[in-house]
Protein backbone atom coordinates (compact mmCIF):
# COMPACT_ATOMS: atom_id res chain seq x y z
CA MET A 1 -108.12 154.94 -115.21
CA GLY A 2 -104.46 154.77 -114.37
CA GLY A 3 -102.39 154.66 -111.26
CA ALA A 4 -101.71 157.22 -108.62
CA PHE A 5 -99.03 158.91 -110.73
CA GLU A 6 -99.06 161.27 -113.68
CA ILE A 7 -96.07 161.40 -115.99
CA ARG A 8 -94.08 164.62 -115.67
CA LEU A 9 -93.33 166.56 -118.84
CA MET A 10 -90.10 168.14 -120.01
CA GLY A 11 -89.75 171.46 -118.24
CA ASP A 12 -90.57 169.96 -114.82
CA PRO A 13 -87.44 170.48 -112.69
CA VAL A 14 -87.70 166.99 -111.17
CA LEU A 15 -86.64 165.57 -114.56
CA ARG A 16 -83.31 167.44 -114.38
CA GLN A 17 -82.17 166.22 -110.97
CA ARG A 18 -80.04 163.16 -110.23
CA ALA A 19 -82.15 160.62 -108.34
CA ALA A 20 -80.99 159.32 -104.95
CA GLU A 21 -79.92 155.73 -104.30
CA ILE A 22 -82.48 153.47 -102.67
CA THR A 23 -80.99 152.29 -99.38
CA GLU A 24 -83.79 149.99 -98.27
CA ILE A 25 -86.01 147.86 -100.49
CA ASP A 26 -89.22 147.65 -98.50
CA GLY A 27 -93.00 147.84 -98.84
CA ARG A 28 -92.84 151.53 -99.75
CA VAL A 29 -90.69 150.73 -102.78
CA ALA A 30 -93.04 147.90 -103.77
CA ARG A 31 -96.07 150.23 -103.51
CA MET A 32 -94.26 152.84 -105.60
CA VAL A 33 -93.65 150.23 -108.32
CA ASP A 34 -97.30 149.10 -108.09
CA ASP A 35 -98.36 152.71 -108.73
CA MET A 36 -95.82 153.31 -111.52
CA LEU A 37 -96.87 150.32 -113.63
CA PRO A 38 -100.40 151.59 -114.43
CA ALA A 39 -98.92 154.96 -115.46
CA MET A 40 -96.51 153.19 -117.82
CA TYR A 41 -99.19 150.91 -119.26
CA ASP A 42 -101.75 153.73 -119.66
CA ALA A 43 -99.16 155.68 -121.67
CA GLU A 44 -98.38 152.54 -123.72
CA GLY A 45 -94.78 152.74 -122.60
CA ILE A 46 -92.20 150.02 -122.29
CA GLY A 47 -90.24 151.77 -119.55
CA LEU A 48 -90.76 154.40 -116.86
CA ALA A 49 -88.23 155.89 -114.44
CA ALA A 50 -89.26 157.08 -110.97
CA PRO A 51 -88.31 160.74 -111.68
CA GLN A 52 -90.85 160.72 -114.53
CA VAL A 53 -93.57 160.47 -111.88
CA GLY A 54 -91.89 162.92 -109.51
CA ILE A 55 -90.01 160.46 -107.31
CA GLN A 56 -86.30 161.14 -106.92
CA ARG A 57 -85.20 157.54 -106.41
CA ARG A 58 -82.96 155.35 -108.60
CA LEU A 59 -85.40 152.84 -109.99
CA PHE A 60 -87.29 152.13 -113.17
CA VAL A 61 -89.90 149.67 -114.36
CA PHE A 62 -90.09 148.08 -117.80
CA ASP A 63 -92.04 145.58 -119.84
CA LEU A 64 -91.19 144.62 -123.41
CA TYR A 65 -94.52 142.78 -123.77
CA ASP A 66 -92.57 139.62 -124.54
CA GLY A 67 -94.32 137.38 -122.02
CA ASP A 68 -91.87 138.03 -119.18
CA GLY A 69 -94.16 140.63 -117.60
CA PRO A 70 -93.11 143.81 -115.83
CA ARG A 71 -89.72 144.03 -114.18
CA THR A 72 -88.01 146.52 -111.90
CA LEU A 73 -84.39 147.60 -111.66
CA ILE A 74 -83.27 149.37 -108.49
CA ASN A 75 -80.01 151.34 -108.30
CA PRO A 76 -79.08 150.27 -111.84
CA GLU A 77 -75.63 150.84 -113.25
CA ILE A 78 -74.28 150.13 -116.71
CA VAL A 79 -70.91 148.45 -116.28
CA GLU A 80 -70.06 147.77 -119.91
CA THR A 81 -71.11 148.92 -123.39
CA ASP A 82 -70.23 147.90 -126.92
CA GLY A 83 -71.00 149.00 -130.48
CA GLU A 84 -73.25 151.73 -131.82
CA TRP A 85 -76.86 151.71 -132.89
CA ALA A 86 -78.94 154.54 -134.35
CA TYR A 87 -82.64 154.33 -133.54
CA THR A 88 -85.59 156.70 -133.54
CA GLU A 89 -86.25 157.32 -129.88
CA GLY A 90 -89.11 158.97 -128.04
CA CYS A 91 -89.97 159.64 -124.41
CA LEU A 92 -93.14 159.61 -122.32
CA SER A 93 -92.01 162.93 -120.80
CA VAL A 94 -91.68 164.49 -124.26
CA PRO A 95 -94.78 163.08 -125.99
CA GLY A 96 -95.17 163.44 -129.71
CA LEU A 97 -91.50 164.06 -130.53
CA THR A 98 -88.94 161.53 -131.71
CA PHE A 99 -85.28 161.83 -132.63
CA GLU A 100 -82.71 159.52 -134.14
CA ILE A 101 -80.15 158.99 -131.41
CA ILE A 102 -76.97 156.94 -131.51
CA ARG A 103 -76.27 154.91 -128.38
CA PRO A 104 -74.24 151.81 -127.61
CA LYS A 105 -75.84 148.73 -129.18
CA GLU A 106 -75.04 146.41 -126.26
CA VAL A 107 -74.94 147.03 -122.52
CA HIS A 108 -74.32 145.07 -119.37
CA ILE A 109 -76.44 146.49 -116.55
CA VAL A 110 -76.46 145.53 -112.89
CA GLY A 111 -78.81 146.45 -110.07
CA ARG A 112 -81.33 144.90 -107.70
CA ASP A 113 -84.86 143.60 -108.10
CA LEU A 114 -87.81 144.11 -105.73
CA ASP A 115 -86.68 141.16 -103.63
CA GLY A 116 -83.29 142.83 -103.11
CA SER A 117 -81.55 140.18 -105.21
CA GLU A 118 -78.67 141.17 -107.47
CA VAL A 119 -79.57 141.43 -111.15
CA SER A 120 -77.12 141.29 -114.04
CA ILE A 121 -78.46 141.62 -117.58
CA GLU A 122 -76.63 141.68 -120.89
CA ALA A 123 -78.87 143.37 -123.44
CA ASP A 124 -78.70 144.54 -127.02
CA GLU A 125 -80.66 146.78 -129.37
CA LEU A 126 -84.10 147.74 -127.98
CA LEU A 127 -83.60 146.44 -124.43
CA ALA A 128 -80.13 148.01 -124.25
CA ARG A 129 -81.57 151.31 -125.47
CA LEU A 130 -84.42 151.14 -122.94
CA PHE A 131 -81.90 150.64 -120.12
CA GLN A 132 -79.78 153.58 -121.29
CA HIS A 133 -82.83 155.82 -121.74
CA GLU A 134 -84.22 155.06 -118.27
CA LEU A 135 -80.81 155.38 -116.62
CA ASP A 136 -80.51 158.81 -118.26
CA HIS A 137 -83.72 159.81 -116.44
CA LEU A 138 -82.17 158.73 -113.14
CA ASP A 139 -79.25 161.09 -113.90
CA GLY A 140 -81.44 164.05 -114.92
CA VAL A 141 -80.69 163.62 -118.63
CA LEU A 142 -83.35 163.86 -121.34
CA LEU A 143 -83.17 162.56 -124.90
CA ILE A 144 -82.79 166.10 -126.28
CA ASP A 145 -79.47 166.29 -124.43
CA HIS A 146 -78.12 163.77 -126.95
CA LEU A 147 -78.84 166.12 -129.87
CA LYS A 148 -76.42 168.56 -131.49
CA LYS A 149 -76.95 172.23 -130.61
CA ALA A 150 -78.94 173.15 -133.75
CA GLU A 151 -81.07 169.99 -133.44
CA ARG A 152 -81.71 170.77 -129.77
CA LYS A 153 -82.88 174.32 -130.59
CA SER A 154 -85.25 172.94 -133.22
CA ALA A 155 -86.47 170.26 -130.79
CA LEU A 156 -87.23 172.87 -128.13
CA ARG A 157 -89.24 174.89 -130.67
CA GLN A 158 -91.14 171.73 -131.64
CA TRP A 159 -91.71 170.97 -127.96
CA ARG A 160 -93.19 174.40 -127.26
CA THR A 161 -95.60 173.86 -130.18
CA GLN A 162 -96.41 170.32 -129.04
CA LEU A 163 -96.93 171.44 -125.44
CA SER A 164 -99.40 174.12 -126.51
CA GLU A 165 -101.40 171.42 -128.34
CA LEU A 166 -101.65 169.15 -125.30
CA GLN A 167 -104.92 169.63 -123.47
CA PRO A 168 -104.63 170.80 -119.85
CA GLY A 169 -105.28 167.93 -117.48
CA ALA A 170 -104.81 165.27 -120.17
CA PRO A 171 -102.46 162.39 -119.39
CA ALA A 172 -98.90 163.36 -120.31
CA ALA A 173 -98.59 160.75 -123.02
CA SER A 174 -101.79 161.73 -124.83
CA SER A 175 -100.89 162.58 -128.37
CA SER A 176 -102.55 162.23 -131.71
CA SER A 177 -99.31 160.84 -133.16
CA GLY A 178 -99.85 157.32 -131.79
CA PRO A 179 -97.36 155.18 -129.91
CA VAL A 180 -93.89 156.67 -129.60
CA PRO A 181 -90.90 154.59 -130.73
CA LEU A 182 -88.89 153.16 -127.83
CA VAL A 183 -91.60 153.87 -125.31
CA GLY A 184 -94.50 152.46 -127.33
CA ARG A 185 -95.65 148.86 -127.21
CA ASN A 186 -95.20 148.60 -130.96
CA SER A 187 -91.70 150.04 -130.91
CA ALA A 188 -90.13 146.79 -132.03
CA ASP A 189 -92.10 147.17 -135.26
CA ALA A 190 -91.02 150.81 -135.74
């Protein structure tokens, strides 16, 4: 079951490093994406950034389960934002914990697809949040970094408890709490 990759958990130093630009979109990048998708689907996620599987490259995969299938954004950059939207957000690298986070409601993101073609997407609400969340991973930022100091301290205590409950060797996203908002397939219903 699953691809070649396991999802890294908060505390892994790879999640705190800025990922490097991809200079050549080739078969290696395509194979990386092919291996990332099963990890995302097995965890019931809607997005997965390369650093979450230990690869320090600026790319993420996503699938909103809306019939468009999986997509990839390489070297993404948000060029414009607008509005504010509070939403309960979770992360495959911090399974079992969710936090209400305020982010821009709308974004305009640019990047490249697996064919090397330029991509320009204007997104709002869930898709905009997914893009911002995954781009944070490419910059070494985790969702707890968006919390106030007291909330962050509480979150870290919760994380230590949650981490001790995860079984060694279990997939990172295994949790008795069910799908996580934002990263879960049913997040649009959350």
